[in-house]
Amino acid sequence: MIKLAHNELIVLLLSISTMLIISRIFSELGKRFKLPVVMGELIVGIVLGPTILGMLYPDIFNYLFPRTGNIPIALDGIFSLSVIMLLFVAGMEVQLSLVLKQGKVAVYTSVFSMIIPFFTGFAVAWFFPEIFSIPDEKGPKLIFSLFFGTALSISALPVIARILMDMNLFKTNIGMVIIASAMFNDLLGWLIFSFVLSLTSTNSGEHLSLWYTIAYIIGFGLFMLTIGKKIIDKSLPWMQTKLSWPGGVLSISLGICLLSAAFTEAINIHAILGAFIAGIAFGDSVHLREQAREIIHQFVTNFFAPLFFVSIGLKVNFIENFDLPIVLIVLVLAFVGKVVGATLGARLGGMSKNHSLAVGFGMNARGAMEIILGTLALNAGLISKPIFVALVIMALVTSLTSGPLMKKFID
């Protein structure tokens, strides 16, 4: 059995502790300027990665984050576990009953805020593949176009919820429409993205056929959100009273998250989707204590989240791979597609012009979800480093501008 050598274990512990401590310091400093926590974590990744530390002190960078040996394998496993946990927590934010309660306006906003940016992104990538240096061949072009459309259509539910809370809009009519629409976007967006990822790795004889994969994931989703959700709902009171508190709920919920992730990975759909669906099943339960929800949230967002977002800066040199034309194209398409789509949907649903525009800009925040999506696509070889850098910049810009632009149309 391969084991970490004495020196390798020391380096692994040093790299993890460095990421956690420095990211916390930067995040706390960022809070004073009202910057998202994720921005501080990303900045730390860029500072510790090849962009700065690797350029100024390559020996220190190569010592802390070696490219060969057992350490990168161990770190990759930790980062994979981190993104699975992040999607589980994101799924816990989704309340299907809330989506249904918002009625016509939420349905219109959800559908149009998904369809318009998706087809805008798909069309640009399909008809102008040379912009993104994509081969003009049907297979690669189709997969990239599907991904790019999905990347432009997805929203960041946790970021949107935080923005609405900061603006005291979370429980208003506008806030509920935005939250309900973002929930639907996340659910459908991650389903499509997981399907696109499965296309990149499907080889005859090695994996389940595509149709079996689709049948399995639909069956799994329906089971988890109906029968599975009822089982969890009935079991939670027993877990929270009979098992050790809060360890029992924490162990079982995270265990089911990992089982679900393992299942979707086994059927050739990325593990994130299983974790996301498990999160919805747990988070939607009326019997889940708020304290248990908060413990899970704090555990994941203060340990796994910093490691994942710092790791993004370790992957890419952001200066070498900054391509201004691609960044501008991605930003314009992101703003136009999502804002126009969500605004049009809210207007058709019966909202006023200004409130519809507020919904449009509220839905435009991409944040952590866009960065996770881009990272997974980069790891899968689906996108190049310049496109990844453009997606990260787009996620940050849309998140920072969403609140101020919303406020302009509400006041």
Protein backbone atom coordinates (compact mmCIF):
# COMPACT_ATOMS: atom_id res chain seq x y z
CA MET A 1 0.00 0.00 0.00
CA ILE A 2 1.31 3.44 -0.97
CA LYS A 3 1.76 5.69 2.05
CA LEU A 4 2.85 9.28 2.51
CA ALA A 5 6.48 9.46 3.55
CA HIS A 6 7.43 11.33 6.72
CA ASN A 7 8.50 14.46 4.81
CA GLU A 8 5.47 14.30 2.50
CA LEU A 9 3.08 14.28 5.46
CA ILE A 10 4.84 17.34 6.89
CA VAL A 11 4.52 19.21 3.58
CA LEU A 12 0.84 18.21 3.22
CA LEU A 13 0.04 19.52 6.70
CA LEU A 14 2.01 22.71 6.05
CA SER A 15 0.20 23.38 2.75
CA ILE A 16 -3.28 22.82 4.25
CA SER A 17 -2.56 24.94 7.34
CA THR A 18 -1.09 27.72 5.17
CA MET A 19 -4.21 27.79 2.98
CA LEU A 20 -6.60 27.82 5.95
CA ILE A 21 -4.83 30.43 8.09
CA ILE A 22 -3.96 32.92 5.35
CA SER A 23 -7.37 32.64 3.66
CA ARG A 24 -9.09 33.39 6.97
CA ILE A 25 -6.91 36.49 7.49
CA PHE A 26 -7.62 37.78 3.97
CA SER A 27 -11.35 37.03 4.25
CA GLU A 28 -11.63 38.95 7.52
CA LEU A 29 -9.77 41.90 5.98
CA GLY A 30 -12.09 41.74 2.95
CA LYS A 31 -15.17 41.90 5.19
CA ARG A 32 -14.13 45.39 6.31
CA PHE A 33 -14.49 46.52 2.70
CA LYS A 34 -17.74 44.52 2.28
CA LEU A 35 -16.11 42.09 -0.15
CA PRO A 36 -17.41 38.50 -0.47
CA VAL A 37 -15.51 35.93 1.61
CA VAL A 38 -14.84 33.93 -1.53
CA MET A 39 -12.90 36.85 -3.00
CA GLY A 40 -10.43 36.78 -0.10
CA GLU A 41 -9.97 33.04 -0.57
CA LEU A 42 -9.41 33.44 -4.31
CA ILE A 43 -6.86 36.21 -3.73
CA VAL A 44 -4.94 33.92 -1.36
CA GLY A 45 -4.91 31.21 -4.04
CA ILE A 46 -3.52 33.68 -6.58
CA VAL A 47 -0.89 34.89 -4.08
CA LEU A 48 0.17 31.34 -3.11
CA GLY A 49 -0.09 30.00 -6.67
CA PRO A 50 2.07 30.29 -9.80
CA THR A 51 0.82 33.85 -10.42
CA ILE A 52 2.77 35.45 -7.53
CA LEU A 53 4.56 33.03 -5.18
CA GLY A 54 5.53 30.78 -8.09
CA MET A 55 6.99 33.74 -9.97
CA LEU A 56 8.78 35.43 -7.05
CA TYR A 57 9.80 32.44 -4.92
CA PRO A 58 9.52 29.30 -7.09
CA ASP A 59 11.43 27.13 -4.57
CA ILE A 60 8.94 27.87 -1.77
CA PHE A 61 5.98 27.34 -4.14
CA ASN A 62 7.33 24.00 -5.39
CA TYR A 63 8.02 22.89 -1.80
CA LEU A 64 4.51 23.71 -0.52
CA PHE A 65 2.64 22.58 -3.64
CA PRO A 66 4.74 20.00 -5.52
CA ARG A 67 3.53 18.83 -8.94
CA THR A 68 4.78 15.25 -8.62
CA GLY A 69 4.69 12.50 -6.00
CA ASN A 70 1.97 11.59 -3.51
CA ILE A 71 1.20 15.09 -2.17
CA PRO A 72 -0.66 16.37 -5.27
CA ILE A 73 -2.72 13.15 -5.26
CA ALA A 74 -3.64 13.67 -1.59
CA LEU A 75 -4.48 17.34 -2.18
CA ASP A 76 -6.57 16.46 -5.23
CA GLY A 77 -8.62 14.06 -3.10
CA ILE A 78 -9.15 16.75 -0.44
CA PHE A 79 -10.17 19.33 -3.08
CA SER A 80 -12.60 16.84 -4.68
CA LEU A 81 -14.15 16.15 -1.28
CA SER A 82 -14.38 19.92 -0.71
CA VAL A 83 -16.40 20.60 -3.86
CA ILE A 84 -18.73 17.68 -3.05
CA MET A 85 -19.37 19.14 0.41
CA LEU A 86 -19.90 22.61 -1.05
CA LEU A 87 -22.58 21.34 -3.42
CA PHE A 88 -24.26 19.47 -0.55
CA VAL A 89 -24.55 22.73 1.40
CA ALA A 90 -25.74 24.56 -1.73
CA GLY A 91 -28.44 21.90 -2.16
CA MET A 92 -29.56 22.46 1.43
CA GLU A 93 -30.38 26.06 0.47
CA VAL A 94 -32.93 24.86 -2.10
CA GLN A 95 -36.52 24.64 -0.88
CA LEU A 96 -38.73 23.14 -3.59
CA SER A 97 -41.90 24.22 -1.80
CA LEU A 98 -40.77 27.86 -2.00
CA VAL A 99 -40.27 27.59 -5.76
CA LEU A 100 -43.83 26.28 -6.22
CA LYS A 101 -45.38 28.92 -3.92
CA GLN A 102 -44.15 31.86 -6.01
CA GLY A 103 -46.43 30.87 -8.87
CA LYS A 104 -46.43 32.40 -12.36
CA VAL A 105 -43.83 35.11 -11.85
CA ALA A 106 -41.23 32.67 -10.50
CA VAL A 107 -41.92 30.20 -13.31
CA TYR A 108 -41.52 32.85 -16.01
CA THR A 109 -38.41 34.33 -14.37
CA SER A 110 -36.85 30.89 -13.90
CA VAL A 111 -37.50 29.75 -17.46
CA PHE A 112 -36.46 32.93 -19.27
CA SER A 113 -33.41 33.52 -17.04
CA MET A 114 -32.26 30.04 -18.06
CA ILE A 115 -33.27 29.83 -21.72
CA ILE A 116 -32.03 33.20 -23.02
CA PRO A 117 -28.49 33.10 -21.57
CA PHE A 118 -28.18 29.40 -22.46
CA PHE A 119 -29.03 29.88 -26.12
CA THR A 120 -27.03 33.13 -26.32
CA GLY A 121 -23.92 31.36 -25.02
CA PHE A 122 -24.56 28.24 -27.11
CA ALA A 123 -25.05 30.25 -30.33
CA VAL A 124 -21.89 32.36 -29.89
CA ALA A 125 -19.76 29.28 -29.13
CA TRP A 126 -21.32 27.27 -31.98
CA PHE A 127 -21.08 29.88 -34.72
CA PHE A 128 -17.81 31.54 -33.61
CA PRO A 129 -15.67 28.71 -32.14
CA GLU A 130 -12.48 30.47 -33.24
CA ILE A 131 -13.03 33.11 -30.53
CA PHE A 132 -12.47 30.44 -27.87
CA SER A 133 -9.87 28.46 -29.85
CA ILE A 134 -12.27 25.51 -30.10
CA PRO A 135 -11.76 23.06 -33.03
CA ASP A 136 -14.46 23.52 -35.69
CA GLU A 137 -15.45 19.87 -35.38
CA LYS A 138 -18.95 18.79 -34.48
CA GLY A 139 -18.10 16.77 -31.33
CA PRO A 140 -15.81 19.18 -29.41
CA LYS A 141 -17.78 22.19 -30.64
CA LEU A 142 -21.11 20.75 -29.44
CA ILE A 143 -19.78 19.83 -25.98
CA PHE A 144 -18.13 23.23 -25.48
CA SER A 145 -21.24 25.06 -26.73
CA LEU A 146 -23.44 23.14 -24.29
CA PHE A 147 -21.03 23.94 -21.47
CA PHE A 148 -20.73 27.63 -22.36
CA GLY A 149 -24.51 28.02 -22.54
CA THR A 150 -24.85 26.34 -19.13
CA ALA A 151 -22.07 28.48 -17.64
CA LEU A 152 -23.88 31.66 -18.66
CA SER A 153 -27.30 30.49 -17.44
CA ILE A 154 -26.47 29.27 -13.93
CA SER A 155 -26.85 31.56 -10.88
CA ALA A 156 -25.21 31.40 -7.45
CA LEU A 157 -27.93 30.76 -4.88
CA PRO A 158 -25.73 31.19 -1.74
CA VAL A 159 -24.33 34.51 -3.00
CA ILE A 160 -27.78 35.79 -4.05
CA ALA A 161 -29.26 34.84 -0.66
CA ARG A 162 -26.45 36.71 1.14
CA ILE A 163 -26.92 39.83 -1.03
CA LEU A 164 -30.68 39.86 -0.36
CA MET A 165 -30.13 39.44 3.39
CA ASP A 166 -27.62 42.31 3.43
CA MET A 167 -30.16 44.53 1.63
CA ASN A 168 -33.07 43.43 3.88
CA LEU A 169 -34.89 42.09 0.82
CA PHE A 170 -34.81 38.37 1.56
CA LYS A 171 -38.43 38.11 2.77
CA THR A 172 -39.90 40.66 0.34
CA ASN A 173 -41.82 39.76 -2.82
CA ILE A 174 -38.81 40.61 -4.99
CA GLY A 175 -36.51 38.57 -2.76
CA MET A 176 -38.74 35.50 -2.84
CA VAL A 177 -39.06 35.64 -6.64
CA ILE A 178 -35.27 35.89 -7.03
CA ILE A 179 -34.60 33.07 -4.55
CA ALA A 180 -37.21 30.75 -6.09
CA SER A 181 -35.89 31.42 -9.60
CA ALA A 182 -32.27 30.92 -8.52
CA MET A 183 -33.19 27.59 -6.92
CA PHE A 184 -34.69 26.36 -10.19
CA ASN A 185 -31.63 27.66 -12.10
CA ASP A 186 -29.25 25.81 -9.81
CA LEU A 187 -31.18 22.55 -10.01
CA LEU A 188 -31.52 22.54 -13.79
CA GLY A 189 -28.09 24.05 -14.41
CA TRP A 190 -26.20 21.43 -12.41
CA LEU A 191 -28.22 18.66 -14.04
CA ILE A 192 -27.27 19.92 -17.52
CA PHE A 193 -23.65 20.50 -16.55
CA SER A 194 -23.30 17.00 -15.08
CA PHE A 195 -24.74 15.63 -18.32
CA VAL A 196 -22.20 17.66 -20.36
CA LEU A 197 -19.36 16.33 -18.20
CA SER A 198 -20.57 12.79 -18.81
CA LEU A 199 -20.30 13.38 -22.56
CA THR A 200 -16.60 14.21 -22.20
CA SER A 201 -15.79 10.85 -20.58
CA THR A 202 -18.17 8.44 -22.29
CA ASN A 203 -16.28 5.71 -24.14
CA SER A 204 -17.99 2.61 -25.52
CA GLY A 205 -17.38 -0.47 -23.44
CA GLU A 206 -16.00 1.44 -20.47
CA HIS A 207 -19.09 3.19 -19.15
CA LEU A 208 -22.81 2.80 -19.08
CA SER A 209 -24.52 3.87 -22.29
CA LEU A 210 -25.78 7.43 -22.39
CA TRP A 211 -29.45 6.42 -22.28
CA TYR A 212 -28.90 4.19 -19.24
CA THR A 213 -27.09 7.07 -17.55
CA ILE A 214 -30.00 9.43 -18.22
CA ALA A 215 -32.51 6.85 -16.96
CA TYR A 216 -30.47 6.23 -13.79
CA ILE A 217 -30.06 9.91 -12.94
CA ILE A 218 -33.75 10.67 -13.50
CA GLY A 219 -34.68 7.67 -11.36
CA PHE A 220 -32.20 8.66 -8.65
CA GLY A 221 -33.41 12.27 -8.61
CA LEU A 222 -37.07 11.26 -8.41
CA PHE A 223 -36.35 8.71 -5.67
CA MET A 224 -34.30 11.12 -3.53
CA LEU A 225 -36.78 14.00 -3.87
CA THR A 226 -39.86 11.84 -3.13
CA ILE A 227 -39.37 8.55 -1.27
CA GLY A 228 -35.84 9.37 -0.07
CA LYS A 229 -36.94 12.79 1.18
CA LYS A 230 -39.85 11.21 3.09
CA ILE A 231 -37.54 8.64 4.70
CA ILE A 232 -35.14 11.41 5.75
CA ASP A 233 -38.05 13.53 6.99
CA LYS A 234 -39.40 10.67 9.13
CA SER A 235 -35.93 9.69 10.43
CA LEU A 236 -34.66 13.14 11.40
CA PRO A 237 -36.68 13.50 14.66
CA TRP A 238 -35.32 10.11 15.81
CA MET A 239 -31.75 11.01 14.77
CA GLN A 240 -31.89 14.36 16.54
CA THR A 241 -33.24 12.93 19.82
CA LYS A 242 -31.85 9.38 20.10
CA LEU A 243 -28.35 9.80 18.60
CA SER A 244 -25.52 11.88 20.01
CA TRP A 245 -26.19 15.56 19.35
CA PRO A 246 -25.05 17.04 17.01
CA GLY A 247 -22.61 14.32 15.92
CA GLY A 248 -25.30 11.83 14.90
CA VAL A 249 -27.03 14.11 12.40
CA LEU A 250 -23.71 15.41 11.08
CA SER A 251 -22.31 11.91 10.47
CA ILE A 252 -25.44 10.49 8.84
CA SER A 253 -26.18 13.53 6.67
CA LEU A 254 -22.59 13.72 5.36
CA GLY A 255 -22.54 9.95 4.94
CA ILE A 256 -25.68 10.06 2.76
CA CYS A 257 -24.15 12.96 0.85
CA LEU A 258 -21.05 10.87 0.03
CA LEU A 259 -23.15 7.78 -0.83
CA SER A 260 -25.23 9.84 -3.25
CA ALA A 261 -22.08 11.37 -4.73
CA ALA A 262 -20.55 7.91 -5.16
CA PHE A 263 -23.69 6.69 -6.94
CA THR A 264 -23.80 9.52 -9.49
CA GLU A 265 -20.04 9.18 -10.09
CA ALA A 266 -20.55 5.44 -10.68
CA ILE A 267 -23.19 6.06 -13.36
CA ASN A 268 -20.85 8.48 -15.14
CA ILE A 269 -22.50 11.67 -13.87
CA HIS A 270 -20.20 13.83 -11.74
CA ALA A 271 -20.31 13.27 -7.97
CA ILE A 272 -21.40 16.88 -7.40
CA LEU A 273 -24.92 16.18 -8.68
CA GLY A 274 -25.48 13.37 -6.18
CA ALA A 275 -24.29 15.63 -3.35
CA PHE A 276 -26.50 18.48 -4.58
CA ILE A 277 -29.63 16.29 -4.75
CA ALA A 278 -28.87 14.80 -1.30
CA GLY A 279 -28.55 18.36 0.03
CA ILE A 280 -31.99 19.25 -1.34
CA ALA A 281 -33.52 16.14 0.26
CA PHE A 282 -32.02 17.01 3.66
CA GLY A 283 -32.42 20.77 3.53
CA ASP A 284 -36.07 20.64 2.47
CA SER A 285 -37.07 18.66 5.58
CA VAL A 286 -39.21 20.54 8.09
CA HIS A 287 -37.72 18.40 10.88
CA LEU A 288 -34.10 19.46 10.33
CA ARG A 289 -33.22 21.69 13.26
CA GLU A 290 -31.86 25.10 12.35
CA GLN A 291 -28.95 24.44 14.69
CA ALA A 292 -28.05 21.23 12.81
CA ARG A 293 -28.26 23.08 9.48
CA GLU A 294 -25.98 25.81 10.84
CA ILE A 295 -23.41 23.30 12.18
CA ILE A 296 -23.16 21.58 8.79
CA HIS A 297 -22.94 24.95 7.04
CA GLN A 298 -20.22 26.25 9.37
CA PHE A 299 -18.18 23.05 9.14
CA VAL A 300 -18.20 23.02 5.35
CA THR A 301 -17.80 26.75 4.69
CA ASN A 302 -14.97 27.23 7.20
CA PHE A 303 -12.89 24.15 6.38
CA PHE A 304 -13.69 22.75 2.95
CA ALA A 305 -14.68 25.99 1.17
CA PRO A 306 -11.39 27.86 1.84
CA LEU A 307 -9.36 24.86 0.66
CA PHE A 308 -11.34 24.60 -2.56
CA PHE A 309 -11.32 28.30 -3.46
CA VAL A 310 -7.63 28.71 -2.60
CA SER A 311 -6.88 25.68 -4.79
CA ILE A 312 -8.31 27.57 -7.80
CA GLY A 313 -5.43 30.04 -7.69
CA LEU A 314 -2.95 27.15 -7.49
CA LYS A 315 -4.09 25.75 -10.84
CA VAL A 316 -3.53 28.70 -13.17
CA ASN A 317 -1.24 31.68 -13.68
CA PHE A 318 -3.85 34.43 -13.85
CA ILE A 319 -1.46 36.95 -15.44
CA GLU A 320 -0.17 34.68 -18.21
CA ASN A 321 -3.67 33.40 -19.03
CA PHE A 322 -5.50 36.73 -18.90
CA ASP A 323 -7.01 37.31 -22.36
CA LEU A 324 -8.82 40.68 -22.44
CA PRO A 325 -11.02 39.99 -25.54
CA ILE A 326 -12.27 36.68 -24.05
CA VAL A 327 -12.87 38.31 -20.63
CA LEU A 328 -14.89 41.14 -22.22
CA ILE A 329 -16.91 38.76 -24.42
CA VAL A 330 -17.76 36.53 -21.44
CA LEU A 331 -18.72 39.55 -19.29
CA VAL A 332 -20.97 41.10 -21.97
CA LEU A 333 -22.70 37.80 -22.75
CA ALA A 334 -23.16 37.06 -19.03
CA PHE A 335 -24.73 40.44 -18.26
CA VAL A 336 -26.91 40.66 -21.38
CA GLY A 337 -28.20 37.07 -21.35
CA LYS A 338 -29.03 36.77 -17.66
CA VAL A 339 -30.31 40.32 -17.04
CA VAL A 340 -32.45 40.41 -20.20
CA GLY A 341 -33.79 36.89 -19.60
CA ALA A 342 -34.68 37.37 -15.93
CA THR A 343 -36.09 40.88 -16.51
CA LEU A 344 -38.27 39.68 -19.38
CA GLY A 345 -39.52 36.73 -17.32
CA ALA A 346 -40.38 38.91 -14.32
CA ARG A 347 -42.13 41.44 -16.58
CA LEU A 348 -44.23 38.71 -18.24
CA GLY A 349 -45.04 37.42 -14.76
CA GLY A 350 -46.65 40.74 -13.89
CA MET A 351 -43.95 42.73 -12.07
CA SER A 352 -43.31 46.45 -12.70
CA LYS A 353 -40.51 47.60 -15.01
CA ASN A 354 -38.16 48.69 -12.22
CA HIS A 355 -38.81 45.65 -10.05
CA SER A 356 -38.28 43.40 -13.09
CA LEU A 357 -34.89 45.03 -13.69
CA ALA A 358 -34.05 44.57 -9.99
CA VAL A 359 -34.87 40.86 -10.35
CA GLY A 360 -32.72 40.73 -13.50
CA PHE A 361 -29.64 42.15 -11.78
CA GLY A 362 -30.33 40.09 -8.64
CA MET A 363 -30.27 36.89 -10.71
CA ASN A 364 -27.00 37.96 -12.36
CA ALA A 365 -24.77 37.08 -9.38
CA ARG A 366 -22.73 33.97 -10.28
CA GLY A 367 -20.19 33.82 -7.44
CA ALA A 368 -19.01 30.51 -6.05
CA MET A 369 -21.20 28.32 -8.27
CA GLU A 370 -19.66 29.70 -11.47
CA ILE A 371 -16.16 29.22 -10.08
CA ILE A 372 -16.93 25.62 -9.08
CA LEU A 373 -18.39 24.94 -12.51
CA GLY A 374 -15.35 26.45 -14.25
CA THR A 375 -12.92 24.48 -12.08
CA LEU A 376 -14.64 21.17 -12.85
CA ALA A 377 -14.67 22.01 -16.57
CA LEU A 378 -10.95 22.87 -16.48
CA ASN A 379 -10.14 19.62 -14.65
CA ALA A 380 -12.12 17.68 -17.26
CA GLY A 381 -10.20 19.34 -20.10
CA LEU A 382 -13.39 20.95 -21.34
CA ILE A 383 -12.06 24.52 -21.35
CA SER A 384 -8.69 26.26 -21.68
CA LYS A 385 -6.99 28.26 -18.94
CA PRO A 386 -7.81 31.68 -20.52
CA ILE A 387 -11.53 30.76 -20.59
CA PHE A 388 -11.30 29.57 -16.98
CA VAL A 389 -9.72 32.89 -15.93
CA ALA A 390 -12.49 34.76 -17.80
CA LEU A 391 -15.19 32.75 -15.98
CA VAL A 392 -13.63 33.45 -12.57
CA ILE A 393 -13.44 37.18 -13.33
CA MET A 394 -17.04 37.14 -14.58
CA ALA A 395 -18.18 35.40 -11.37
CA LEU A 396 -16.53 38.06 -9.22
CA VAL A 397 -17.70 41.06 -11.28
CA THR A 398 -21.34 39.90 -11.44
CA SER A 399 -21.36 39.18 -7.68
CA LEU A 400 -19.90 42.59 -6.79
CA THR A 401 -22.25 44.56 -9.07
CA SER A 402 -25.47 42.65 -8.38
CA GLY A 403 -26.37 44.39 -5.10
CA PRO A 404 -25.65 48.02 -6.13
CA LEU A 405 -27.51 47.61 -9.46
CA MET A 406 -30.50 46.02 -7.71
CA LYS A 407 -30.62 48.90 -5.23
CA LYS A 408 -30.70 51.43 -8.09
CA PHE A 409 -33.99 50.06 -9.40
CA ILE A 410 -35.65 49.47 -6.00
CA ASP A 411 -35.01 52.88 -4.43
